[in-house]
Amino acid sequence: MAANVLVDSGFLVALINRRDQNHTWAAAQAPTFPRPWQTCEPALSEAFYMLGQSGAPHLITLLARRALICGFQLDEHITDVIKLLQKYADVPMSLADACLVRMTEVLSDSALLTTDSDFRIYRRHGRQTVPCVLPL
């Protein structure tokens, strides 16, 4: 089991929105990964936008309970994040994705819960796969 559990916006949306195609998968994964989960502010912004007014209170509850925390300061990693954005410009890579890949580089023993298959393409430290858990 990973010591540092990271989540992206897709996982959060799938977990909260029962109509999401990956809801059953996310709901099954959630209890198996210890909290607090970590994410970045760009991923939170994406999740709030995708969830809208109906889902936002659930996301706020996760934050208020400290079950979900922002464990990343973009300004401290800007050079590495920009390199990732440039390297994967053709995918294209979002700012949230770049921050999450960088988080897997700096947090030991991490796993990313995601619904985004682009994380299978991205590499951390240049050549290493991103440790992620995706729906089948």
Protein backbone atom coordinates (compact mmCIF):
# COMPACT_ATOMS: atom_id res chain seq x y z
CA MET A 1 0.00 0.00 0.00
CA ALA A 2 1.32 3.40 -0.96
CA ALA A 3 2.30 5.78 1.83
CA ASN A 4 1.28 8.83 -0.22
CA VAL A 5 -2.05 8.58 -2.00
CA LEU A 6 -2.62 11.19 -4.70
CA VAL A 7 -5.92 11.87 -6.43
CA ASP A 8 -6.75 13.72 -9.61
CA SER A 9 -9.92 15.55 -10.56
CA GLY A 10 -11.29 12.59 -12.54
CA PHE A 11 -11.14 10.31 -9.50
CA LEU A 12 -12.78 12.93 -7.28
CA VAL A 13 -15.57 13.53 -9.78
CA ALA A 14 -16.14 9.80 -10.24
CA LEU A 15 -16.27 9.29 -6.49
CA ILE A 16 -18.76 12.09 -5.85
CA ASN A 17 -20.95 11.93 -8.97
CA ARG A 18 -23.01 8.74 -8.93
CA ARG A 19 -23.80 9.17 -12.64
CA ASP A 20 -20.12 9.17 -13.63
CA GLN A 21 -19.17 6.09 -15.65
CA ASN A 22 -16.35 5.34 -13.19
CA HIS A 23 -18.34 5.90 -9.98
CA THR A 24 -18.56 2.22 -9.02
CA TRP A 25 -14.81 1.79 -9.52
CA ALA A 26 -13.94 4.95 -7.53
CA ALA A 27 -16.31 4.04 -4.71
CA ALA A 28 -14.68 0.60 -4.48
CA GLN A 29 -11.16 2.08 -4.44
CA ALA A 30 -11.78 4.84 -1.89
CA PRO A 31 -11.92 2.70 1.27
CA THR A 32 -8.79 0.77 0.33
CA PHE A 33 -6.51 3.81 0.24
CA PRO A 34 -5.70 5.60 3.51
CA ARG A 35 -6.50 9.25 3.94
CA PRO A 36 -5.61 12.00 3.80
CA TRP A 37 -5.37 11.94 0.05
CA GLN A 38 -3.18 14.58 -1.55
CA THR A 39 -3.80 16.63 -4.64
CA CYS A 40 -2.84 19.97 -6.15
CA GLU A 41 -4.83 23.17 -6.49
CA PRO A 42 -5.21 22.89 -10.30
CA ALA A 43 -6.80 19.43 -9.87
CA LEU A 44 -9.12 20.81 -7.19
CA SER A 45 -10.13 23.65 -9.48
CA GLU A 46 -10.93 21.16 -12.27
CA ALA A 47 -12.96 19.00 -9.89
CA PHE A 48 -15.00 21.93 -8.57
CA TYR A 49 -15.73 23.02 -12.14
CA MET A 50 -16.74 19.53 -13.32
CA LEU A 51 -18.89 18.82 -10.26
CA GLY A 52 -20.74 22.13 -10.36
CA GLN A 53 -23.03 23.34 -7.61
CA SER A 54 -24.50 19.94 -6.84
CA GLY A 55 -21.17 18.21 -6.19
CA ALA A 56 -19.16 21.04 -4.67
CA PRO A 57 -20.48 20.53 -1.10
CA HIS A 58 -19.16 16.96 -1.08
CA LEU A 59 -15.73 18.14 -2.17
CA ILE A 60 -15.81 20.89 0.44
CA THR A 61 -16.61 18.26 3.09
CA LEU A 62 -13.54 16.21 2.10
CA LEU A 63 -11.41 19.34 2.43
CA ALA A 64 -12.97 20.43 5.72
CA ARG A 65 -12.41 17.00 7.25
CA ARG A 66 -8.81 17.05 5.99
CA ALA A 67 -9.49 13.78 4.16
CA LEU A 68 -8.20 15.65 1.10
CA ILE A 69 -5.29 18.08 1.30
CA CYS A 70 -3.32 20.20 -1.12
CA GLY A 71 0.24 19.04 -0.69
CA PHE A 72 1.90 20.93 -3.52
CA GLN A 73 3.22 24.45 -4.04
CA LEU A 74 3.56 25.19 -7.75
CA ASP A 75 6.04 28.02 -7.25
CA GLU A 76 8.48 25.61 -5.57
CA HIS A 77 8.40 23.26 -8.59
CA ILE A 78 7.70 25.62 -11.48
CA THR A 79 10.82 24.76 -13.51
CA ASP A 80 10.11 21.01 -13.41
CA VAL A 81 6.39 21.50 -14.10
CA ILE A 82 7.16 23.68 -17.14
CA LYS A 83 9.54 21.00 -18.46
CA LEU A 84 6.76 18.42 -18.19
CA LEU A 85 4.25 20.72 -19.91
CA GLN A 86 6.69 21.28 -22.76
CA LYS A 87 7.62 17.61 -23.07
CA TYR A 88 3.98 16.51 -23.28
CA ALA A 89 2.55 19.49 -25.19
CA ASP A 90 1.37 17.15 -27.94
CA VAL A 91 -0.75 15.01 -25.57
CA PRO A 92 -1.62 17.76 -24.34
CA MET A 93 -0.78 17.73 -20.64
CA SER A 94 -2.84 19.94 -18.34
CA LEU A 95 -1.31 21.96 -15.53
CA ALA A 96 -3.03 19.65 -13.04
CA ASP A 97 -1.51 16.57 -14.69
CA ALA A 98 1.96 18.13 -14.69
CA CYS A 99 1.66 18.99 -10.99
CA LEU A 100 0.51 15.46 -10.14
CA VAL A 101 3.37 13.87 -12.08
CA ARG A 102 5.77 16.15 -10.24
CA MET A 103 4.17 15.14 -6.94
CA THR A 104 4.93 11.49 -7.74
CA GLU A 105 8.54 12.52 -8.29
CA VAL A 106 8.97 14.23 -4.93
CA LEU A 107 6.76 12.09 -2.69
CA SER A 108 8.24 8.70 -1.95
CA ASP A 109 6.06 5.60 -2.21
CA SER A 110 3.18 7.32 -3.97
CA ALA A 111 0.21 6.08 -5.97
CA LEU A 112 -2.14 8.20 -8.04
CA LEU A 113 -5.85 7.37 -8.21
CA THR A 114 -7.01 8.56 -11.62
CA THR A 115 -9.44 7.93 -14.43
CA ASP A 116 -7.11 9.59 -16.97
CA SER A 117 -5.28 7.09 -19.18
CA ASP A 118 -2.78 9.79 -20.20
CA PHE A 119 -0.93 8.96 -16.99
CA ARG A 120 0.12 5.72 -18.72
CA ILE A 121 1.96 7.89 -21.28
CA TYR A 122 3.60 10.34 -18.88
CA ARG A 123 6.97 9.51 -17.33
CA ARG A 124 8.46 10.75 -14.10
CA HIS A 125 12.16 11.38 -13.70
CA GLY A 126 12.32 11.10 -17.49
CA ARG A 127 11.77 7.35 -17.89
CA GLN A 128 9.82 5.90 -14.97
CA THR A 129 6.15 5.11 -15.24
CA VAL A 130 3.80 7.06 -13.03
CA PRO A 131 2.52 4.79 -10.25
CA CYS A 132 -1.21 4.97 -10.78
CA VAL A 133 -4.40 3.06 -10.21
CA LEU A 134 -6.85 3.26 -13.10
CA PRO A 135 -10.18 1.62 -13.91
CA LEU A 136 -9.90 -1.42 -16.15
